[in-house]
Amino acid sequence: MSTADPIYNEVRTLPEAQAREVLDFVTALKAKRQANAAARRAAALKTLAKYRGRFEAARTDRDELYDRKVLR
């Protein structure tokens, strides 16, 4: 049984006005979660933007990596 089942059973027994309040609360929770996710994403992109252009990608050869003096 998931968490939704007992919630559904409880809300089913409520008067319509109170059931609507529960629905409003759930909607507010979902909106808050989406806003938090958007804020976290924006913060991560801002952090990445600080370092844009500072690093240069270099091609590596796997065989050369394993053929170093330190590994012999």
PDB file of N, CA and C in Angstrom:
ATOM      1  N   MET A   1       0.847  -1.175   0.000  1.00  0.00           N
ATOM      2  CA  MET A   1       0.000   0.000   0.000  1.00  0.00           C
ATOM      3  C   MET A   1       0.892   1.237   0.000  1.00  0.00           C
ATOM      4  N   SER A   2       0.655   2.104  -0.921  1.00  0.00           N
ATOM      5  CA  SER A   2       1.445   3.331  -0.982  1.00  0.00           C
ATOM      6  C   SER A   2       0.860   4.385  -0.040  1.00  0.00           C
ATOM      7  N   THR A   3       1.559   5.453   0.108  1.00  0.00           N
ATOM      8  CA  THR A   3       1.116   6.544   0.979  1.00  0.00           C
ATOM      9  C   THR A   3      -0.151   7.192   0.435  1.00  0.00           C
ATOM     10  N   ALA A   4      -0.320   7.171  -0.879  1.00  0.00           N
ATOM     11  CA  ALA A   4      -1.477   7.816  -1.492  1.00  0.00           C
ATOM     12  C   ALA A   4      -2.788   7.145  -1.086  1.00  0.00           C
ATOM     13  N   ASP A   5      -2.760   5.843  -0.855  1.00  0.00           N
ATOM     14  CA  ASP A   5      -3.994   5.128  -0.504  1.00  0.00           C
ATOM     15  C   ASP A   5      -4.612   5.616   0.815  1.00  0.00           C
ATOM     16  N   PRO A   6      -3.857   5.678   1.908  1.00  0.00           N
ATOM     17  CA  PRO A   6      -4.476   6.198   3.143  1.00  0.00           C
ATOM     18  C   PRO A   6      -4.891   7.665   3.022  1.00  0.00           C
ATOM     19  N   ILE A   7      -4.107   8.441   2.273  1.00  0.00           N
ATOM     20  CA  ILE A   7      -4.488   9.851   2.080  1.00  0.00           C
ATOM     21  C   ILE A   7      -5.821   9.915   1.350  1.00  0.00           C
ATOM     22  N   TYR A   8      -5.960   9.126   0.302  1.00  0.00           N
ATOM     23  CA  TYR A   8      -7.213   9.098  -0.456  1.00  0.00           C
ATOM     24  C   TYR A   8      -8.379   8.688   0.440  1.00  0.00           C
ATOM     25  N   ASN A   9      -8.178   7.657   1.259  1.00  0.00           N
ATOM     26  CA  ASN A   9      -9.255   7.183   2.133  1.00  0.00           C
ATOM     27  C   ASN A   9      -9.675   8.263   3.128  1.00  0.00           C
ATOM     28  N   GLU A  10      -8.715   9.009   3.651  1.00  0.00           N
ATOM     29  CA  GLU A  10      -9.038  10.066   4.607  1.00  0.00           C
ATOM     30  C   GLU A  10      -9.750  11.232   3.920  1.00  0.00           C
ATOM     31  N   VAL A  11      -9.269  11.631   2.769  1.00  0.00           N
ATOM     32  CA  VAL A  11      -9.855  12.775   2.069  1.00  0.00           C
ATOM     33  C   VAL A  11     -11.260  12.443   1.587  1.00  0.00           C
ATOM     34  N   ARG A  12     -11.490  11.204   1.226  1.00  0.00           N
ATOM     35  CA  ARG A  12     -12.822  10.778   0.770  1.00  0.00           C
ATOM     36  C   ARG A  12     -13.903  11.043   1.806  1.00  0.00           C
ATOM     37  N   THR A  13     -13.527  10.968   3.074  1.00  0.00           N
ATOM     38  CA  THR A  13     -14.520  11.118   4.141  1.00  0.00           C
ATOM     39  C   THR A  13     -14.734  12.576   4.545  1.00  0.00           C
ATOM     40  N   LEU A  14     -13.916  13.483   4.028  1.00  0.00           N
ATOM     41  CA  LEU A  14     -14.026  14.895   4.406  1.00  0.00           C
ATOM     42  C   LEU A  14     -15.156  15.585   3.647  1.00  0.00           C
ATOM     43  N   PRO A  15     -15.696  16.650   4.225  1.00  0.00           N
ATOM     44  CA  PRO A  15     -16.645  17.483   3.481  1.00  0.00           C
ATOM     45  C   PRO A  15     -15.918  18.139   2.303  1.00  0.00           C
ATOM     46  N   GLU A  16     -16.676  18.543   1.309  1.00  0.00           N
ATOM     47  CA  GLU A  16     -16.111  19.086   0.070  1.00  0.00           C
ATOM     48  C   GLU A  16     -15.181  20.267   0.320  1.00  0.00           C
ATOM     49  N   ALA A  17     -15.561  21.170   1.231  1.00  0.00           N
ATOM     50  CA  ALA A  17     -14.735  22.360   1.491  1.00  0.00           C
ATOM     51  C   ALA A  17     -13.372  21.969   2.051  1.00  0.00           C
ATOM     52  N   GLN A  18     -13.349  21.023   2.963  1.00  0.00           N
ATOM     53  CA  GLN A  18     -12.074  20.588   3.536  1.00  0.00           C
ATOM     54  C   GLN A  18     -11.252  19.793   2.521  1.00  0.00           C
ATOM     55  N   ALA A  19     -11.900  19.011   1.684  1.00  0.00           N
ATOM     56  CA  ALA A  19     -11.189  18.278   0.642  1.00  0.00           C
ATOM     57  C   ALA A  19     -10.530  19.253  -0.324  1.00  0.00           C
ATOM     58  N   ARG A  20     -11.212  20.368  -0.603  1.00  0.00           N
ATOM     59  CA  ARG A  20     -10.631  21.386  -1.479  1.00  0.00           C
ATOM     60  C   ARG A  20      -9.413  22.035  -0.824  1.00  0.00           C
ATOM     61  N   GLU A  21      -9.450  22.209   0.514  1.00  0.00           N
ATOM     62  CA  GLU A  21      -8.293  22.744   1.230  1.00  0.00           C
ATOM     63  C   GLU A  21      -7.105  21.800   1.103  1.00  0.00           C
ATOM     64  N   VAL A  22      -7.365  20.506   1.208  1.00  0.00           N
ATOM     65  CA  VAL A  22      -6.300  19.516   1.042  1.00  0.00           C
ATOM     66  C   VAL A  22      -5.719  19.613  -0.365  1.00  0.00           C
ATOM     67  N   LEU A  23      -6.577  19.739  -1.345  1.00  0.00           N
ATOM     68  CA  LEU A  23      -6.126  19.879  -2.723  1.00  0.00           C
ATOM     69  C   LEU A  23      -5.286  21.146  -2.900  1.00  0.00           C
ATOM     70  N   ASP A  24      -5.711  22.239  -2.298  1.00  0.00           N
ATOM     71  CA  ASP A  24      -4.943  23.483  -2.369  1.00  0.00           C
ATOM     72  C   ASP A  24      -3.570  23.312  -1.719  1.00  0.00           C
ATOM     73  N   PHE A  25      -3.526  22.593  -0.601  1.00  0.00           N
ATOM     74  CA  PHE A  25      -2.261  22.354   0.091  1.00  0.00           C
ATOM     75  C   PHE A  25      -1.322  21.526  -0.776  1.00  0.00           C
ATOM     76  N   VAL A  26      -1.837  20.494  -1.404  1.00  0.00           N
ATOM     77  CA  VAL A  26      -1.014  19.653  -2.278  1.00  0.00           C
ATOM     78  C   VAL A  26      -0.504  20.467  -3.462  1.00  0.00           C
ATOM     79  N   THR A  27      -1.348  21.288  -4.015  1.00  0.00           N
ATOM     80  CA  THR A  27      -0.938  22.142  -5.136  1.00  0.00           C
ATOM     81  C   THR A  27       0.172  23.091  -4.705  1.00  0.00           C
ATOM     82  N   ALA A  28       0.063  23.657  -3.502  1.00  0.00           N
ATOM     83  CA  ALA A  28       1.092  24.561  -2.985  1.00  0.00           C
ATOM     84  C   ALA A  28       2.407  23.816  -2.768  1.00  0.00           C
ATOM     85  N   LEU A  29       2.335  22.589  -2.259  1.00  0.00           N
ATOM     86  CA  LEU A  29       3.548  21.789  -2.066  1.00  0.00           C
ATOM     87  C   LEU A  29       4.252  21.517  -3.386  1.00  0.00           C
ATOM     88  N   LYS A  30       3.472  21.175  -4.406  1.00  0.00           N
ATOM     89  CA  LYS A  30       4.063  20.900  -5.717  1.00  0.00           C
ATOM     90  C   LYS A  30       4.697  22.148  -6.305  1.00  0.00           C
ATOM     91  N   ALA A  31       4.049  23.287  -6.145  1.00  0.00           N
ATOM     92  CA  ALA A  31       4.591  24.544  -6.663  1.00  0.00           C
ATOM     93  C   ALA A  31       5.886  24.903  -5.940  1.00  0.00           C
ATOM     94  N   LYS A  32       5.919  24.671  -4.630  1.00  0.00           N
ATOM     95  CA  LYS A  32       7.113  24.951  -3.846  1.00  0.00           C
ATOM     96  C   LYS A  32       8.271  24.064  -4.294  1.00  0.00           C
ATOM     97  N   ARG A  33       7.987  22.793  -4.541  1.00  0.00           N
ATOM     98  CA  ARG A  33       9.025  21.863  -4.992  1.00  0.00           C
ATOM     99  C   ARG A  33       9.566  22.293  -6.349  1.00  0.00           C
ATOM    100  N   GLN A  34       8.692  22.702  -7.251  1.00  0.00           N
ATOM    101  CA  GLN A  34       9.130  23.147  -8.573  1.00  0.00           C
ATOM    102  C   GLN A  34       9.953  24.428  -8.474  1.00  0.00           C
ATOM    103  N   ALA A  35       9.552  25.328  -7.596  1.00  0.00           N
ATOM    104  CA  ALA A  35      10.293  26.572  -7.421  1.00  0.00           C
ATOM    105  C   ALA A  35      11.680  26.288  -6.845  1.00  0.00           C
ATOM    106  N   ASN A  36      11.762  25.356  -5.896  1.00  0.00           N
ATOM    107  CA  ASN A  36      13.055  24.995  -5.314  1.00  0.00           C
ATOM    108  C   ASN A  36      13.958  24.366  -6.365  1.00  0.00           C
ATOM    109  N   ALA A  37      13.400  23.506  -7.197  1.00  0.00           N
ATOM    110  CA  ALA A  37      14.189  22.870  -8.250  1.00  0.00           C
ATOM    111  C   ALA A  37      14.699  23.912  -9.235  1.00  0.00           C
ATOM    112  N   ALA A  38      13.852  24.869  -9.576  1.00  0.00           N
ATOM    113  CA  ALA A  38      14.263  25.930 -10.498  1.00  0.00           C
ATOM    114  C   ALA A  38      15.351  26.797  -9.875  1.00  0.00           C
ATOM    115  N   ALA A  39      15.242  27.078  -8.587  1.00  0.00           N
ATOM    116  CA  ALA A  39      16.250  27.894  -7.906  1.00  0.00           C
ATOM    117  C   ALA A  39      17.583  27.156  -7.832  1.00  0.00           C
ATOM    118  N   ARG A  40      17.537  25.855  -7.530  1.00  0.00           N
ATOM    119  CA  ARG A  40      18.770  25.057  -7.479  1.00  0.00           C
ATOM    120  C   ARG A  40      19.436  25.008  -8.849  1.00  0.00           C
ATOM    121  N   ARG A  41      18.628  24.850  -9.889  1.00  0.00           N
ATOM    122  CA  ARG A  41      19.170  24.792 -11.253  1.00  0.00           C
ATOM    123  C   ARG A  41      19.803  26.127 -11.634  1.00  0.00           C
ATOM    124  N   ALA A  42      19.135  27.208 -11.298  1.00  0.00           N
ATOM    125  CA  ALA A  42      19.670  28.532 -11.609  1.00  0.00           C
ATOM    126  C   ALA A  42      20.991  28.767 -10.867  1.00  0.00           C
ATOM    127  N   ALA A  43      21.068  28.351  -9.608  1.00  0.00           N
ATOM    128  CA  ALA A  43      22.302  28.509  -8.836  1.00  0.00           C
ATOM    129  C   ALA A  43      23.430  27.672  -9.441  1.00  0.00           C
ATOM    130  N   ALA A  44      23.121  26.467  -9.869  1.00  0.00           N
ATOM    131  CA  ALA A  44      24.144  25.609 -10.477  1.00  0.00           C
ATOM    132  C   ALA A  44      24.634  26.203 -11.790  1.00  0.00           C
ATOM    133  N   LEU A  45      23.723  26.727 -12.594  1.00  0.00           N
ATOM    134  CA  LEU A  45      24.124  27.343 -13.859  1.00  0.00           C
ATOM    135  C   LEU A  45      24.954  28.598 -13.629  1.00  0.00           C
ATOM    136  N   LYS A  46      24.629  29.338 -12.578  1.00  0.00           N
ATOM    137  CA  LYS A  46      25.398  30.536 -12.250  1.00  0.00           C
ATOM    138  C   LYS A  46      26.819  30.157 -11.856  1.00  0.00           C
ATOM    139  N   THR A  47      26.959  29.083 -11.082  1.00  0.00           N
ATOM    140  CA  THR A  47      28.283  28.608 -10.698  1.00  0.00           C
ATOM    141  C   THR A  47      29.075  28.172 -11.918  1.00  0.00           C
ATOM    142  N   LEU A  48      28.434  27.434 -12.807  1.00  0.00           N
ATOM    143  CA  LEU A  48      29.115  26.984 -14.021  1.00  0.00           C
ATOM    144  C   LEU A  48      29.517  28.165 -14.903  1.00  0.00           C
ATOM    145  N   ALA A  49      28.698  29.189 -14.947  1.00  0.00           N
ATOM    146  CA  ALA A  49      28.977  30.351 -15.787  1.00  0.00           C
ATOM    147  C   ALA A  49      30.250  31.067 -15.326  1.00  0.00           C
ATOM    148  N   LYS A  50      30.545  31.009 -14.012  1.00  0.00           N
ATOM    149  CA  LYS A  50      31.756  31.653 -13.501  1.00  0.00           C
ATOM    150  C   LYS A  50      33.010  31.046 -14.131  1.00  0.00           C
ATOM    151  N   TYR A  51      32.960  29.766 -14.444  1.00  0.00           N
ATOM    152  CA  TYR A  51      34.142  29.064 -14.934  1.00  0.00           C
ATOM    153  C   TYR A  51      34.134  28.854 -16.443  1.00  0.00           C
ATOM    154  N   ARG A  52      33.152  29.382 -17.116  1.00  0.00           N
ATOM    155  CA  ARG A  52      33.065  29.219 -18.571  1.00  0.00           C
ATOM    156  C   ARG A  52      34.299  29.818 -19.234  1.00  0.00           C
ATOM    157  N   GLY A  53      34.931  29.039 -20.104  1.00  0.00           N
ATOM    158  CA  GLY A  53      36.073  29.502 -20.857  1.00  0.00           C
ATOM    159  C   GLY A  53      37.403  29.400 -20.144  1.00  0.00           C
ATOM    160  N   ARG A  54      37.423  28.969 -18.902  1.00  0.00           N
ATOM    161  CA  ARG A  54      38.678  28.879 -18.155  1.00  0.00           C
ATOM    162  C   ARG A  54      39.419  27.572 -18.389  1.00  0.00           C
ATOM    163  N   PHE A  55      38.715  26.552 -18.782  1.00  0.00           N
ATOM    164  CA  PHE A  55      39.334  25.251 -18.963  1.00  0.00           C
ATOM    165  C   PHE A  55      39.305  24.878 -20.432  1.00  0.00           C
ATOM    166  N   GLU A  56      40.391  24.277 -20.858  1.00  0.00           N
ATOM    167  CA  GLU A  56      40.485  23.856 -22.248  1.00  0.00           C
ATOM    168  C   GLU A  56      40.519  22.333 -22.280  1.00  0.00           C
ATOM    169  N   ALA A  57      39.644  21.770 -23.034  1.00  0.00           N
ATOM    170  CA  ALA A  57      39.593  20.317 -23.140  1.00  0.00           C
ATOM    171  C   ALA A  57      40.774  19.837 -23.972  1.00  0.00           C
ATOM    172  N   ALA A  58      41.396  18.786 -23.509  1.00  0.00           N
ATOM    173  CA  ALA A  58      42.534  18.226 -24.236  1.00  0.00           C
ATOM    174  C   ALA A  58      42.245  16.762 -24.524  1.00  0.00           C
ATOM    175  N   ARG A  59      42.563  16.356 -25.717  1.00  0.00           N
ATOM    176  CA  ARG A  59      42.373  14.956 -26.088  1.00  0.00           C
ATOM    177  C   ARG A  59      43.449  14.127 -25.395  1.00  0.00           C
ATOM    178  N   THR A  60      43.084  12.994 -24.891  1.00  0.00           N
ATOM    179  CA  THR A  60      44.057  12.107 -24.250  1.00  0.00           C
ATOM    180  C   THR A  60      44.013  10.753 -24.931  1.00  0.00           C
ATOM    181  N   ASP A  61      45.135  10.124 -24.907  1.00  0.00           N
ATOM    182  CA  ASP A  61      45.244   8.792 -25.461  1.00  0.00           C
ATOM    183  C   ASP A  61      45.353   7.820 -24.287  1.00  0.00           C
ATOM    184  N   ARG A  62      44.460   6.898 -24.199  1.00  0.00           N
ATOM    185  CA  ARG A  62      44.412   5.981 -23.070  1.00  0.00           C
ATOM    186  C   ARG A  62      45.703   5.171 -22.950  1.00  0.00           C
ATOM    187  N   ASP A  63      46.256   4.745 -24.064  1.00  0.00           N
ATOM    188  CA  ASP A  63      47.490   3.967 -24.026  1.00  0.00           C
ATOM    189  C   ASP A  63      48.634   4.784 -23.425  1.00  0.00           C
ATOM    190  N   GLU A  64      48.703   6.067 -23.757  1.00  0.00           N
ATOM    191  CA  GLU A  64      49.744   6.919 -23.192  1.00  0.00           C
ATOM    192  C   GLU A  64      49.561   7.091 -21.689  1.00  0.00           C
ATOM    193  N   LEU A  65      48.349   7.120 -21.232  1.00  0.00           N
ATOM    194  CA  LEU A  65      48.103   7.260 -19.797  1.00  0.00           C
ATOM    195  C   LEU A  65      48.640   6.067 -19.019  1.00  0.00           C
ATOM    196  N   TYR A  66      48.486   4.868 -19.578  1.00  0.00           N
ATOM    197  CA  TYR A  66      48.935   3.670 -18.879  1.00  0.00           C
ATOM    198  C   TYR A  66      50.398   3.363 -19.128  1.00  0.00           C
ATOM    199  N   ASP A  67      51.051   4.096 -20.030  1.00  0.00           N
ATOM    200  CA  ASP A  67      52.436   3.850 -20.369  1.00  0.00           C
ATOM    201  C   ASP A  67      53.314   4.947 -19.782  1.00  0.00           C
ATOM    202  N   ARG A  68      53.151   5.223 -18.477  1.00  0.00           N
ATOM    203  CA  ARG A  68      53.947   6.232 -17.813  1.00  0.00           C
ATOM    204  C   ARG A  68      54.959   5.558 -16.880  1.00  0.00           C
ATOM    205  N   LYS A  69      56.065   6.228 -16.629  1.00  0.00           N
ATOM    206  CA  LYS A  69      57.107   5.678 -15.771  1.00  0.00           C
ATOM    207  C   LYS A  69      56.589   5.355 -14.377  1.00  0.00           C
ATOM    208  N   VAL A  70      55.736   6.197 -13.879  1.00  0.00           N
ATOM    209  CA  VAL A  70      55.212   6.032 -12.520  1.00  0.00           C
ATOM    210  C   VAL A  70      54.463   4.710 -12.379  1.00  0.00           C
ATOM    211  N   LEU A  71      53.848   4.258 -13.431  1.00  0.00           N
ATOM    212  CA  LEU A  71      53.061   3.031 -13.360  1.00  0.00           C
ATOM    213  C   LEU A  71      53.894   1.765 -13.613  1.00  0.00           C
ATOM    214  N   ARG A  72      55.118   1.916 -14.009  1.00  0.00           N
ATOM    215  CA  ARG A  72      55.959   0.730 -14.296  1.00  0.00           C
ATOM    216  C   ARG A  72      56.566   0.157 -13.077  1.00  0.00           C
TER     217      ARG A  72
END
